[in-house]
């Protein structure tokens, strides 16, 4: 009997933001697969086996889930935020393309992704057209990151950046800020939203002229407004009307 694979989003951090649908899937699971800190968010119980793994083995993780599903298990792959946003849903389908056995039943359960949680905390900076860009060059060349960044800025999108600055590439976010100042000007609003919905949450909004690379790390989502984005009191919002 072929089992099932559910790819579930655990939300940005606050357990209250995990959807009832995801909780039900975890309650039915025989096995939970995922990156170490995400699996740590799942409570152990009899009949459940946890399979934590490192961050850069997404395809191995997906193949492990496929193998267990072929054995009849009810597998849940957990991601933070939403599993379809720079996360495990895509990796599972990539592995499925090369899978030789019968495909299992698959379900993708959405979650609240970090950019939407951060935008809600800030106000409504993504209230008009926006794009999301992963600033990591682990899976794509840095030249492509820069190219997409320039085009998004020239198109006057509001922008959400994932994985802005890591210990292994601290210089790249400085380059991002440089490009944004060139394309958007120094007065564009930027929000650094760190560890949103957790006890370590910290939000900081300023202009691009005031921003420094050290304000971002891998737990930070960076939101950049478009030309119309403005402040109202302590809030930041982008009007729904263009122009």
Protein backbone atom coordinates (compact mmCIF):
# COMPACT_ATOMS: atom_id res chain seq x y z
CA UNK A 1 0.00 0.00 0.00
CA UNK A 2 1.40 3.38 -1.01
CA UNK A 3 1.48 5.95 1.74
CA UNK A 4 1.10 9.70 1.57
CA UNK A 5 3.31 12.79 1.61
CA UNK A 6 2.06 16.06 2.99
CA UNK A 7 4.25 19.14 2.68
CA UNK A 8 3.21 21.50 5.45
CA UNK A 9 4.01 25.09 6.32
CA UNK A 10 4.62 25.74 10.01
CA UNK A 11 4.26 29.51 9.67
CA UNK A 12 6.75 32.18 10.72
CA UNK A 13 7.32 31.06 14.32
CA UNK A 14 4.33 31.64 16.57
CA UNK A 15 2.59 28.31 17.18
CA UNK A 16 -0.77 30.11 17.11
CA UNK A 17 -0.16 30.76 13.40
CA UNK A 18 0.09 27.06 12.48
CA UNK A 19 -3.14 26.26 10.62
CA UNK A 20 -5.60 23.65 11.92
CA UNK A 21 -5.14 21.76 8.65
CA UNK A 22 -1.40 21.44 9.30
CA UNK A 23 -1.99 20.35 12.91
CA UNK A 24 -4.32 17.61 11.72
CA UNK A 25 -1.72 16.37 9.24
CA UNK A 26 0.92 16.25 11.99
CA UNK A 27 -1.50 14.35 14.25
CA UNK A 28 -1.93 11.67 11.54
CA UNK A 29 1.74 11.44 10.58
CA UNK A 30 3.91 8.40 11.16
CA UNK A 31 7.06 10.28 10.10
CA UNK A 32 8.07 13.96 10.01
CA UNK A 33 10.95 15.06 7.79
CA UNK A 34 12.61 18.47 7.66
CA UNK A 35 15.40 20.86 8.50
CA UNK A 36 16.60 20.42 12.08
CA UNK A 37 15.03 23.54 13.69
CA UNK A 38 11.71 22.97 11.93
CA UNK A 39 11.42 19.35 13.01
CA UNK A 40 12.25 20.52 16.55
CA UNK A 41 8.96 22.43 16.53
CA UNK A 42 7.02 19.16 16.22
CA UNK A 43 6.19 17.48 19.53
CA UNK A 44 7.32 13.87 19.91
CA UNK A 45 4.63 11.25 20.55
CA UNK A 46 4.24 7.47 20.39
CA UNK A 47 3.98 6.24 16.81
CA UNK A 48 5.78 9.26 15.35
CA UNK A 49 9.37 9.19 14.10
CA UNK A 50 11.19 12.47 13.57
CA UNK A 51 13.81 12.74 10.81
CA UNK A 52 15.76 16.03 11.17
CA UNK A 53 18.43 16.82 8.57
CA UNK A 54 20.75 19.61 7.47
CA UNK A 55 19.63 22.63 5.50
CA UNK A 56 21.33 21.83 2.18
CA UNK A 57 20.02 18.32 1.57
CA UNK A 58 16.56 19.16 0.22
CA UNK A 59 16.58 16.53 -2.53
CA UNK A 60 17.87 13.83 -0.17
CA UNK A 61 15.09 14.78 2.24
CA UNK A 62 12.48 14.59 -0.52
CA UNK A 63 13.74 11.20 -1.71
CA UNK A 64 13.69 9.90 1.86
CA UNK A 65 10.05 10.98 2.11
CA UNK A 66 9.22 9.24 -1.18
CA UNK A 67 10.90 6.04 0.01
CA UNK A 68 8.98 6.04 3.27
CA UNK A 69 5.69 6.76 1.49
CA UNK A 70 6.38 3.78 -0.81
CA UNK A 71 6.56 1.67 2.36
CA UNK A 72 3.05 2.79 3.31
CA UNK A 73 3.94 5.50 5.81
CA UNK A 74 2.12 8.79 6.33
CA UNK A 75 4.94 11.31 5.87
CA UNK A 76 4.85 15.03 6.59
CA UNK A 77 7.64 17.25 5.27
CA UNK A 78 7.75 20.43 7.31
CA UNK A 79 8.93 23.85 6.18
CA UNK A 80 8.83 27.18 7.95
CA UNK A 81 6.43 29.75 6.53
CA UNK A 82 4.76 28.43 3.39
CA UNK A 83 6.20 25.26 1.82
CA UNK A 84 5.83 26.69 -1.68
CA UNK A 85 7.91 29.82 -1.02
CA UNK A 86 11.64 29.00 -1.30
CA UNK A 87 10.93 25.74 0.52
CA UNK A 88 10.32 22.00 0.28
CA UNK A 89 7.29 21.73 -2.02
CA UNK A 90 9.41 22.50 -5.07
CA UNK A 91 12.16 20.10 -3.93
CA UNK A 92 9.63 17.28 -3.56
CA UNK A 93 8.34 17.70 -7.12
CA UNK A 94 11.90 17.88 -8.43
CA UNK A 95 12.62 14.54 -6.75
CA UNK A 96 9.32 13.13 -8.01
CA UNK A 97 10.38 13.75 -11.62
CA UNK A 98 13.18 11.19 -11.20
CA UNK A 99 11.21 8.78 -8.98
CA UNK A 100 10.92 5.28 -10.44
CA UNK A 101 8.08 3.91 -8.33
CA UNK A 102 4.37 4.69 -8.26
CA UNK A 103 3.74 8.26 -7.07
CA UNK A 104 2.27 8.61 -3.60
CA UNK A 105 -0.73 10.73 -2.76
CA UNK A 106 0.64 14.26 -2.23
CA UNK A 107 -0.87 17.28 -0.49
CA UNK A 108 0.66 20.75 -0.11
CA UNK A 109 -0.66 22.63 2.92
CA UNK A 110 -0.06 26.39 2.89
CA UNK A 111 1.30 28.39 5.77
CA UNK A 112 1.85 32.04 6.64
CA UNK A 113 5.16 32.94 5.06
CA UNK A 114 7.64 35.29 6.71
CA UNK A 115 7.18 38.17 4.26
CA UNK A 116 3.43 38.31 4.95
CA UNK A 117 3.91 38.09 8.71
CA UNK A 118 6.55 40.83 8.51
CA UNK A 119 4.36 43.01 6.29
CA UNK A 120 1.47 42.65 8.74
CA UNK A 121 3.67 43.73 11.64
CA UNK A 122 4.89 46.76 9.67
CA UNK A 123 1.47 47.73 8.32
CA UNK A 124 0.86 47.14 4.61
CA UNK A 125 4.11 47.73 2.70
CA UNK A 126 3.14 45.04 0.17
CA UNK A 127 -0.28 46.58 -0.44
CA UNK A 128 0.26 46.95 -4.19
CA UNK A 129 2.25 44.94 -6.74
CA UNK A 130 5.27 43.27 -5.15
CA UNK A 131 7.84 40.55 -5.71
CA UNK A 132 9.85 38.22 -3.48
CA UNK A 133 13.54 37.56 -4.13
CA UNK A 134 15.78 35.04 -2.40
CA UNK A 135 19.14 36.79 -2.06
CA UNK A 136 21.06 33.56 -1.46
CA UNK A 137 23.28 32.44 -4.34
CA UNK A 138 23.35 28.79 -3.20
CA UNK A 139 21.00 27.69 -6.00
CA UNK A 140 21.48 30.45 -8.57
CA UNK A 141 24.40 32.66 -9.62
CA UNK A 142 24.88 36.02 -7.98
CA UNK A 143 24.73 37.76 -11.38
CA UNK A 144 21.15 36.56 -11.72
CA UNK A 145 20.28 37.88 -8.26
CA UNK A 146 21.59 41.32 -9.22
CA UNK A 147 19.80 41.23 -12.59
CA UNK A 148 16.43 40.42 -11.05
CA UNK A 149 16.95 42.96 -8.28
CA UNK A 150 17.62 45.77 -10.78
CA UNK A 151 14.63 44.87 -12.93
CA UNK A 152 12.30 44.70 -9.91
CA UNK A 153 13.51 48.09 -8.69
CA UNK A 154 13.17 49.62 -12.17
CA UNK A 155 9.62 48.25 -12.41
CA UNK A 156 8.86 49.98 -9.08
CA UNK A 157 7.74 46.83 -7.30
CA UNK A 158 7.66 46.72 -3.56
CA UNK A 159 10.08 43.93 -2.67
CA UNK A 160 10.52 41.27 -0.02
CA UNK A 161 13.97 39.73 0.41
CA UNK A 162 14.62 36.33 1.95
CA UNK A 163 18.04 35.16 3.20
CA UNK A 164 19.61 38.61 2.92
CA UNK A 165 22.92 38.18 4.72
CA UNK A 166 24.79 35.14 6.03
CA UNK A 167 28.16 34.64 7.69
CA UNK A 168 29.49 33.08 4.49
CA UNK A 169 28.44 36.00 2.25
CA UNK A 170 28.30 39.17 4.38
CA UNK A 171 29.39 41.42 1.50
CA UNK A 172 26.48 40.66 -0.82
CA UNK A 173 23.81 42.56 1.08
CA UNK A 174 25.99 45.66 0.97
CA UNK A 175 25.85 45.30 -2.81
CA UNK A 176 22.07 44.94 -2.65
CA UNK A 177 21.76 48.22 -0.76
CA UNK A 178 24.06 49.89 -3.26
CA UNK A 179 21.90 48.75 -6.19
CA UNK A 180 18.70 49.84 -4.44
CA UNK A 181 20.09 53.31 -3.80
CA UNK A 182 21.10 53.56 -7.45
CA UNK A 183 17.72 52.44 -8.79
CA UNK A 184 15.30 53.75 -6.14
CA UNK A 185 17.06 56.73 -4.60
CA UNK A 186 18.09 57.30 -0.98
CA UNK A 187 14.63 58.14 0.40
CA UNK A 188 12.91 54.81 -0.34
CA UNK A 189 11.58 53.13 2.81
CA UNK A 190 13.09 49.84 3.93
CA UNK A 191 11.99 47.65 6.84
CA UNK A 192 14.14 45.06 8.59
CA UNK A 193 11.87 42.48 10.24
CA UNK A 194 13.80 40.00 12.34
CA UNK A 195 12.38 36.83 13.90
CA UNK A 196 8.81 37.99 13.34
CA UNK A 197 6.16 36.46 15.68
CA UNK A 198 8.82 35.04 18.03
CA UNK A 199 10.05 36.45 21.36
CA UNK A 200 13.12 37.79 19.49
CA UNK A 201 11.03 39.88 17.09
CA UNK A 202 12.48 43.26 16.13
CA UNK A 203 11.29 45.68 13.43
CA UNK A 204 13.16 48.70 12.17
CA UNK A 205 12.04 51.04 9.36
CA UNK A 206 14.16 53.75 7.79
CA UNK A 207 15.26 55.14 4.45
CA UNK A 208 17.76 53.43 2.19
CA UNK A 209 20.21 56.23 3.01
CA UNK A 210 20.13 55.18 6.66
CA UNK A 211 20.28 51.39 6.13
CA UNK A 212 23.46 49.41 6.78
CA UNK A 213 24.26 45.78 5.87
CA UNK A 214 24.63 44.74 9.52
CA UNK A 215 20.91 45.35 10.09
CA UNK A 216 20.09 42.07 8.31
CA UNK A 217 20.89 38.43 9.01
CA UNK A 218 19.41 35.08 8.03
CA UNK A 219 16.50 35.50 10.45
CA UNK A 220 15.54 38.81 8.84
CA UNK A 221 13.04 39.50 6.10
CA UNK A 222 13.75 42.80 4.38
CA UNK A 223 10.84 44.77 2.89
CA UNK A 224 11.42 47.63 0.47
CA UNK A 225 8.56 49.90 -0.57
CA UNK A 226 7.79 51.29 -3.99
CA UNK A 227 7.88 54.98 -4.90
CA UNK A 228 4.48 55.58 -3.28
CA UNK A 229 5.15 53.74 0.01
CA UNK A 230 4.90 56.05 3.00
CA UNK A 231 4.50 56.22 6.75
CA UNK A 232 1.36 56.97 8.71
CA UNK A 233 2.22 57.21 12.38
CA UNK A 234 4.20 54.11 13.31
CA UNK A 235 2.93 52.20 10.28
CA UNK A 236 4.26 51.76 6.75
CA UNK A 237 1.91 51.22 3.83
CA UNK A 238 1.79 51.18 0.04
CA UNK A 239 -1.38 52.70 -1.46
CA UNK A 240 -3.52 50.43 -3.61
CA UNK A 241 -3.74 53.03 -6.38
CA UNK A 242 -0.80 53.12 -8.77
CA UNK A 243 0.86 56.36 -9.81
